[in-house]
Amino acid sequence: MKPYDDIFQEYEQLQARADKAFRDMEKDYPSCIKCAEQCSDCCNAVFGLFLIESAYLNSKVDALDEDSKKALLARADQADEALLAMEKRLRETKGDDPEKITEAIGKERVRCPLLGDDEKCALYAARPVTCRVYGIPTLINGKVHACFKAGFEKGQSYPAFNLDGVYRELYRLSNKFLERAGVNDPERASLLLSVSKSIKTPVEDLLKGVKPR
């Protein structure tokens, strides 16, 4: 067993919990679920990954063949450029107000580097938890959210997947991951990285705190 395999296995349990929640909603509310192969709206949402998610995703990149890996890294560079342009524009229009910036980011669209030209995820089996539950109601910061394409009706009551609870687990696993590497820095466990930086930054550099390339 590799040094972090047991922590990765705990993370995979979170992935499995998300998958089960999606399947349950798909079974109980089939007409409300609009997710389908090559439906990639969620693949353009802007969000960050906890350290454990970044490390897990990066560990799967090497399993790709060289051509696929090269294409993935090229798309990651493109995503980085788009994110930098977005950040610059938001600073100019929203100033230093974190609430306004956070709200604006939620409306931004940046194509995920994992999304290939065929509109399919290059690392679908390893995709983050957020991606797995995008099409069902989720609880984030105490508020329920759902994909605009979904058929969930306002005023109706539906089960919601508790992403707030998952985020707490992701923080715990990220902190455990750092401690295993001899790094005692709980603040770093709360930092979020983009998917593009996660793809491009080796696990060893993530643990050392090396600035993502």
C-alpha atoms as a PDB file:
ATOM      1  CA  MET A   1       0.000   0.000   0.000  1.00  0.00           C
ATOM      2  CA  LYS A   2       1.286   3.461  -0.897  1.00  0.00           C
ATOM      3  CA  PRO A   3       1.619   6.092   1.874  1.00  0.00           C
ATOM      4  CA  TYR A   4      -1.719   7.782   1.157  1.00  0.00           C
ATOM      5  CA  ASP A   5      -3.814   4.922  -0.193  1.00  0.00           C
ATOM      6  CA  ASP A   6      -5.916   4.615   2.963  1.00  0.00           C
ATOM      7  CA  ILE A   7      -6.749   8.338   2.841  1.00  0.00           C
ATOM      8  CA  PHE A   8      -7.614   8.063  -0.835  1.00  0.00           C
ATOM      9  CA  GLN A   9      -9.897   5.153   0.073  1.00  0.00           C
ATOM     10  CA  GLU A  10     -11.711   7.358   2.585  1.00  0.00           C
ATOM     11  CA  TYR A  11     -12.127   9.945  -0.153  1.00  0.00           C
ATOM     12  CA  GLU A  12     -13.492   7.287  -2.488  1.00  0.00           C
ATOM     13  CA  GLN A  13     -16.127   6.525   0.152  1.00  0.00           C
ATOM     14  CA  LEU A  14     -17.291  10.141  -0.156  1.00  0.00           C
ATOM     15  CA  GLN A  15     -17.444   9.704  -3.919  1.00  0.00           C
ATOM     16  CA  ALA A  16     -19.505   6.543  -3.437  1.00  0.00           C
ATOM     17  CA  ARG A  17     -21.862   8.363  -1.070  1.00  0.00           C
ATOM     18  CA  ALA A  18     -22.413  11.044  -3.713  1.00  0.00           C
ATOM     19  CA  ASP A  19     -23.001   8.431  -6.416  1.00  0.00           C
ATOM     20  CA  LYS A  20     -25.579   6.666  -4.244  1.00  0.00           C
ATOM     21  CA  ALA A  21     -27.393   9.929  -3.553  1.00  0.00           C
ATOM     22  CA  PHE A  22     -27.575  10.606  -7.289  1.00  0.00           C
ATOM     23  CA  ARG A  23     -28.847   7.101  -8.056  1.00  0.00           C
ATOM     24  CA  ASP A  24     -31.486   7.380  -5.332  1.00  0.00           C
ATOM     25  CA  MET A  25     -32.747  10.680  -6.738  1.00  0.00           C
ATOM     26  CA  GLU A  26     -32.691   9.257 -10.253  1.00  0.00           C
ATOM     27  CA  LYS A  27     -34.838   6.346  -9.043  1.00  0.00           C
ATOM     28  CA  ASP A  28     -37.266   8.421  -6.963  1.00  0.00           C
ATOM     29  CA  TYR A  29     -37.542  11.483  -9.235  1.00  0.00           C
ATOM     30  CA  PRO A  30     -36.662  10.256 -12.746  1.00  0.00           C
ATOM     31  CA  SER A  31     -38.510  13.047 -14.549  1.00  0.00           C
ATOM     32  CA  CYS A  32     -36.518  15.685 -12.648  1.00  0.00           C
ATOM     33  CA  ILE A  33     -33.066  14.398 -13.573  1.00  0.00           C
ATOM     34  CA  LYS A  34     -31.922  15.784 -16.915  1.00  0.00           C
ATOM     35  CA  CYS A  35     -28.301  14.578 -16.843  1.00  0.00           C
ATOM     36  CA  ALA A  36     -27.232  12.657 -19.945  1.00  0.00           C
ATOM     37  CA  GLU A  37     -24.047  11.623 -21.684  1.00  0.00           C
ATOM     38  CA  GLN A  38     -22.335  14.642 -23.273  1.00  0.00           C
ATOM     39  CA  CYS A  39     -24.504  17.070 -21.301  1.00  0.00           C
ATOM     40  CA  SER A  40     -21.665  19.255 -20.085  1.00  0.00           C
ATOM     41  CA  ASP A  41     -23.242  22.353 -18.548  1.00  0.00           C
ATOM     42  CA  CYS A  42     -21.774  21.489 -15.148  1.00  0.00           C
ATOM     43  CA  CYS A  43     -18.357  21.128 -16.780  1.00  0.00           C
ATOM     44  CA  ASN A  44     -18.246  24.893 -17.280  1.00  0.00           C
ATOM     45  CA  ALA A  45     -18.951  25.863 -13.667  1.00  0.00           C
ATOM     46  CA  VAL A  46     -16.105  27.463 -11.696  1.00  0.00           C
ATOM     47  CA  PHE A  47     -15.264  25.780  -8.393  1.00  0.00           C
ATOM     48  CA  GLY A  48     -12.247  24.796  -6.317  1.00  0.00           C
ATOM     49  CA  LEU A  49     -10.933  21.503  -4.985  1.00  0.00           C
ATOM     50  CA  PHE A  50      -9.658  20.676  -1.525  1.00  0.00           C
ATOM     51  CA  LEU A  51      -6.112  19.334  -1.296  1.00  0.00           C
ATOM     52  CA  ILE A  52      -7.237  15.702  -0.998  1.00  0.00           C
ATOM     53  CA  GLU A  53      -9.319  16.074  -4.176  1.00  0.00           C
ATOM     54  CA  SER A  54      -6.444  17.728  -6.031  1.00  0.00           C
ATOM     55  CA  ALA A  55      -3.966  15.046  -4.995  1.00  0.00           C
ATOM     56  CA  TYR A  56      -6.365  12.229  -5.891  1.00  0.00           C
ATOM     57  CA  LEU A  57      -7.139  13.715  -9.297  1.00  0.00           C
ATOM     58  CA  ASN A  58      -3.472  14.317 -10.039  1.00  0.00           C
ATOM     59  CA  SER A  59      -2.627  10.728  -9.099  1.00  0.00           C
ATOM     60  CA  LYS A  60      -4.927   9.551 -11.897  1.00  0.00           C
ATOM     61  CA  VAL A  61      -3.357  11.689 -14.635  1.00  0.00           C
ATOM     62  CA  ASP A  62      -0.386   9.350 -15.072  1.00  0.00           C
ATOM     63  CA  ALA A  63      -2.738   6.500 -15.961  1.00  0.00           C
ATOM     64  CA  LEU A  64      -3.618   8.283 -19.214  1.00  0.00           C
ATOM     65  CA  ASP A  65      -1.770   7.522 -22.422  1.00  0.00           C
ATOM     66  CA  GLU A  66       0.742  10.150 -23.535  1.00  0.00           C
ATOM     67  CA  ASP A  67      -1.465  11.717 -26.212  1.00  0.00           C
ATOM     68  CA  SER A  68      -4.411  12.040 -23.825  1.00  0.00           C
ATOM     69  CA  LYS A  69      -2.165  13.469 -21.113  1.00  0.00           C
ATOM     70  CA  LYS A  70      -0.652  16.004 -23.507  1.00  0.00           C
ATOM     71  CA  ALA A  71      -4.109  17.135 -24.635  1.00  0.00           C
ATOM     72  CA  LEU A  72      -5.284  17.348 -21.016  1.00  0.00           C
ATOM     73  CA  LEU A  73      -2.343  19.526 -19.967  1.00  0.00           C
ATOM     74  CA  ALA A  74      -2.898  21.807 -22.966  1.00  0.00           C
ATOM     75  CA  ARG A  75      -6.535  22.255 -21.951  1.00  0.00           C
ATOM     76  CA  ALA A  76      -5.393  22.947 -18.378  1.00  0.00           C
ATOM     77  CA  ASP A  77      -3.196  25.785 -19.670  1.00  0.00           C
ATOM     78  CA  GLN A  78      -6.169  27.211 -21.561  1.00  0.00           C
ATOM     79  CA  ALA A  79      -8.344  26.991 -18.452  1.00  0.00           C
ATOM     80  CA  ASP A  80      -5.667  28.766 -16.403  1.00  0.00           C
ATOM     81  CA  GLU A  81      -5.605  31.630 -18.898  1.00  0.00           C
ATOM     82  CA  ALA A  82      -9.399  31.904 -18.779  1.00  0.00           C
ATOM     83  CA  LEU A  83      -9.397  31.887 -14.971  1.00  0.00           C
ATOM     84  CA  LEU A  84      -6.722  34.592 -14.802  1.00  0.00           C
ATOM     85  CA  ALA A  85      -8.708  36.765 -17.206  1.00  0.00           C
ATOM     86  CA  MET A  86     -11.836  36.185 -15.122  1.00  0.00           C
ATOM     87  CA  GLU A  87     -10.062  37.112 -11.883  1.00  0.00           C
ATOM     88  CA  LYS A  88      -8.689  40.302 -13.415  1.00  0.00           C
ATOM     89  CA  ARG A  89     -12.106  41.312 -14.741  1.00  0.00           C
ATOM     90  CA  LEU A  90     -13.821  40.633 -11.412  1.00  0.00           C
ATOM     91  CA  ARG A  91     -11.235  42.634  -9.472  1.00  0.00           C
ATOM     92  CA  GLU A  92     -11.835  45.558 -11.797  1.00  0.00           C
ATOM     93  CA  THR A  93     -15.639  45.356 -11.586  1.00  0.00           C
ATOM     94  CA  LYS A  94     -16.251  44.044  -8.062  1.00  0.00           C
ATOM     95  CA  GLY A  95     -13.331  45.548  -6.173  1.00  0.00           C
ATOM     96  CA  ASP A  96     -12.292  43.742  -2.995  1.00  0.00           C
ATOM     97  CA  ASP A  97     -15.780  42.747  -1.842  1.00  0.00           C
ATOM     98  CA  PRO A  98     -15.492  38.959  -1.257  1.00  0.00           C
ATOM     99  CA  GLU A  99     -19.267  38.403  -1.248  1.00  0.00           C
ATOM    100  CA  LYS A 100     -19.739  40.151  -4.588  1.00  0.00           C
ATOM    101  CA  ILE A 101     -16.786  38.281  -6.076  1.00  0.00           C
ATOM    102  CA  THR A 102     -18.070  34.912  -4.823  1.00  0.00           C
ATOM    103  CA  GLU A 103     -21.526  35.623  -6.226  1.00  0.00           C
ATOM    104  CA  ALA A 104     -20.046  36.678  -9.567  1.00  0.00           C
ATOM    105  CA  ILE A 105     -17.825  33.586  -9.803  1.00  0.00           C
ATOM    106  CA  GLY A 106     -20.942  31.443  -9.460  1.00  0.00           C
ATOM    107  CA  LYS A 107     -22.197  32.944 -12.713  1.00  0.00           C
ATOM    108  CA  GLU A 108     -18.936  32.616 -14.644  1.00  0.00           C
ATOM    109  CA  ARG A 109     -18.292  29.956 -17.267  1.00  0.00           C
ATOM    110  CA  VAL A 110     -14.861  28.370 -17.781  1.00  0.00           C
ATOM    111  CA  ARG A 111     -14.558  25.070 -19.627  1.00  0.00           C
ATOM    112  CA  CYS A 112     -13.141  22.320 -17.415  1.00  0.00           C
ATOM    113  CA  PRO A 113      -9.862  20.935 -18.776  1.00  0.00           C
ATOM    114  CA  LEU A 114     -11.104  17.406 -18.077  1.00  0.00           C
ATOM    115  CA  LEU A 115     -13.751  17.904 -20.761  1.00  0.00           C
ATOM    116  CA  GLY A 116     -12.497  16.546 -24.075  1.00  0.00           C
ATOM    117  CA  ASP A 117     -13.479  17.512 -27.602  1.00  0.00           C
ATOM    118  CA  ASP A 118     -16.013  14.681 -27.499  1.00  0.00           C
ATOM    119  CA  GLU A 119     -17.782  16.428 -24.579  1.00  0.00           C
ATOM    120  CA  LYS A 120     -16.821  13.560 -22.264  1.00  0.00           C
ATOM    121  CA  CYS A 121     -14.767  13.689 -19.063  1.00  0.00           C
ATOM    122  CA  ALA A 122     -11.212  12.405 -19.493  1.00  0.00           C
ATOM    123  CA  LEU A 123     -11.152  11.206 -15.865  1.00  0.00           C
ATOM    124  CA  TYR A 124     -14.839  10.465 -15.342  1.00  0.00           C
ATOM    125  CA  ALA A 125     -14.298   7.692 -12.781  1.00  0.00           C
ATOM    126  CA  ALA A 126     -12.094  10.015 -10.709  1.00  0.00           C
ATOM    127  CA  ARG A 127     -14.187  13.184 -11.059  1.00  0.00           C
ATOM    128  CA  PRO A 128     -14.704  15.329  -7.929  1.00  0.00           C
ATOM    129  CA  VAL A 129     -17.696  14.943  -5.616  1.00  0.00           C
ATOM    130  CA  THR A 130     -19.207  18.245  -6.780  1.00  0.00           C
ATOM    131  CA  CYS A 131     -19.402  16.907 -10.337  1.00  0.00           C
ATOM    132  CA  ARG A 132     -21.200  13.766  -9.175  1.00  0.00           C
ATOM    133  CA  VAL A 133     -24.145  15.598  -7.605  1.00  0.00           C
ATOM    134  CA  TYR A 134     -24.523  18.621  -9.882  1.00  0.00           C
ATOM    135  CA  GLY A 135     -27.816  17.386 -11.335  1.00  0.00           C
ATOM    136  CA  ILE A 136     -29.611  16.889  -7.996  1.00  0.00           C
ATOM    137  CA  PRO A 137     -30.550  19.317  -5.190  1.00  0.00           C
ATOM    138  CA  THR A 138     -27.562  20.103  -2.971  1.00  0.00           C
ATOM    139  CA  LEU A 139     -27.196  21.986   0.297  1.00  0.00           C
ATOM    140  CA  ILE A 140     -24.424  24.603   0.147  1.00  0.00           C
ATOM    141  CA  ASN A 141     -23.938  27.226   2.870  1.00  0.00           C
ATOM    142  CA  GLY A 142     -27.336  26.270   4.219  1.00  0.00           C
ATOM    143  CA  LYS A 143     -29.114  26.946   0.912  1.00  0.00           C
ATOM    144  CA  VAL A 144     -30.491  24.441  -1.587  1.00  0.00           C
ATOM    145  CA  HIS A 145     -29.186  24.606  -5.154  1.00  0.00           C
ATOM    146  CA  ALA A 146     -30.044  22.640  -8.293  1.00  0.00           C
ATOM    147  CA  CYS A 147     -29.027  22.617 -11.941  1.00  0.00           C
ATOM    148  CA  PHE A 148     -31.172  25.027 -13.969  1.00  0.00           C
ATOM    149  CA  LYS A 149     -31.854  22.242 -16.466  1.00  0.00           C
ATOM    150  CA  ALA A 150     -33.282  19.926 -13.806  1.00  0.00           C
ATOM    151  CA  GLY A 151     -37.022  19.497 -13.394  1.00  0.00           C
ATOM    152  CA  PHE A 152     -37.212  20.203  -9.667  1.00  0.00           C
ATOM    153  CA  GLU A 153     -40.068  22.646  -9.046  1.00  0.00           C
ATOM    154  CA  LYS A 154     -39.951  25.644  -6.748  1.00  0.00           C
ATOM    155  CA  GLY A 155     -42.175  25.280  -3.720  1.00  0.00           C
ATOM    156  CA  GLN A 156     -41.864  21.500  -3.729  1.00  0.00           C
ATOM    157  CA  SER A 157     -39.877  19.562  -1.135  1.00  0.00           C
ATOM    158  CA  TYR A 158     -37.034  17.280  -2.261  1.00  0.00           C
ATOM    159  CA  PRO A 159     -34.153  15.532  -0.491  1.00  0.00           C
ATOM    160  CA  ALA A 160     -30.945  17.561  -0.798  1.00  0.00           C
ATOM    161  CA  PHE A 161     -27.418  16.170  -0.737  1.00  0.00           C
ATOM    162  CA  ASN A 162     -25.502  17.869   2.074  1.00  0.00           C
ATOM    163  CA  LEU A 163     -22.399  19.263   0.391  1.00  0.00           C
ATOM    164  CA  ASP A 164     -21.642  21.331   3.498  1.00  0.00           C
ATOM    165  CA  GLY A 165     -21.080  18.083   5.386  1.00  0.00           C
ATOM    166  CA  VAL A 166     -18.945  16.711   2.563  1.00  0.00           C
ATOM    167  CA  TYR A 167     -16.821  19.871   2.587  1.00  0.00           C
ATOM    168  CA  ARG A 168     -16.125  19.321   6.280  1.00  0.00           C
ATOM    169  CA  GLU A 169     -15.040  15.765   5.495  1.00  0.00           C
ATOM    170  CA  LEU A 170     -12.845  16.982   2.630  1.00  0.00           C
ATOM    171  CA  TYR A 171     -11.181  19.453   4.985  1.00  0.00           C
ATOM    172  CA  ARG A 172     -10.595  16.683   7.531  1.00  0.00           C
ATOM    173  CA  LEU A 173      -9.073  14.391   4.911  1.00  0.00           C
ATOM    174  CA  SER A 174      -6.926  17.207   3.519  1.00  0.00           C
ATOM    175  CA  ASN A 175      -5.589  17.946   6.991  1.00  0.00           C
ATOM    176  CA  LYS A 176      -4.942  14.229   7.545  1.00  0.00           C
ATOM    177  CA  PHE A 177      -3.153  14.113   4.197  1.00  0.00           C
ATOM    178  CA  LEU A 178      -0.874  16.984   5.230  1.00  0.00           C
ATOM    179  CA  GLU A 179      -0.187  15.503   8.665  1.00  0.00           C
ATOM    180  CA  ARG A 180       0.773  12.186   7.063  1.00  0.00           C
ATOM    181  CA  ALA A 181       3.382  14.112   5.073  1.00  0.00           C
ATOM    182  CA  GLY A 182       4.672  15.778   8.243  1.00  0.00           C
ATOM    183  CA  VAL A 183       3.004  19.129   7.548  1.00  0.00           C
ATOM    184  CA  ASN A 184       1.109  20.689  10.457  1.00  0.00           C
ATOM    185  CA  ASP A 185      -0.812  23.480   8.745  1.00  0.00           C
ATOM    186  CA  PRO A 186      -4.622  23.309   9.169  1.00  0.00           C
ATOM    187  CA  GLU A 187      -5.020  26.548   7.212  1.00  0.00           C
ATOM    188  CA  ARG A 188      -3.569  24.946   4.097  1.00  0.00           C
ATOM    189  CA  ALA A 189      -6.135  22.171   4.398  1.00  0.00           C
ATOM    190  CA  SER A 190      -8.870  24.743   3.770  1.00  0.00           C
ATOM    191  CA  LEU A 191      -7.318  26.218   0.622  1.00  0.00           C
ATOM    192  CA  LEU A 192      -8.959  25.424  -2.710  1.00  0.00           C
ATOM    193  CA  LEU A 193      -7.231  24.801  -6.035  1.00  0.00           C
ATOM    194  CA  SER A 194      -8.666  24.948  -9.523  1.00  0.00           C
ATOM    195  CA  VAL A 195      -9.051  21.738 -11.498  1.00  0.00           C
ATOM    196  CA  SER A 196      -6.395  22.979 -13.925  1.00  0.00           C
ATOM    197  CA  LYS A 197      -3.840  23.579 -11.158  1.00  0.00           C
ATOM    198  CA  SER A 198      -4.709  20.216  -9.619  1.00  0.00           C
ATOM    199  CA  ILE A 199      -3.972  18.473 -12.900  1.00  0.00           C
ATOM    200  CA  LYS A 200      -0.669  20.254 -13.462  1.00  0.00           C
ATOM    201  CA  THR A 201       0.789  20.146  -9.957  1.00  0.00           C
ATOM    202  CA  PRO A 202       2.434  16.886  -8.796  1.00  0.00           C
ATOM    203  CA  VAL A 203       1.237  15.501  -5.473  1.00  0.00           C
ATOM    204  CA  GLU A 204       4.691  16.031  -3.958  1.00  0.00           C
ATOM    205  CA  ASP A 205       4.543  19.734  -4.814  1.00  0.00           C
ATOM    206  CA  LEU A 206       1.024  20.041  -3.422  1.00  0.00           C
ATOM    207  CA  LEU A 207       2.277  18.653  -0.115  1.00  0.00           C
ATOM    208  CA  LYS A 208       5.342  20.889  -0.073  1.00  0.00           C
ATOM    209  CA  GLY A 209       3.218  23.949  -0.720  1.00  0.00           C
ATOM    210  CA  VAL A 210       4.992  24.653  -3.987  1.00  0.00           C
ATOM    211  CA  LYS A 211       3.115  27.279  -5.998  1.00  0.00           C
ATOM    212  CA  PRO A 212       1.087  25.520  -8.706  1.00  0.00           C
ATOM    213  CA  ARG A 213       2.495  25.925 -12.188  1.00  0.00           C
END
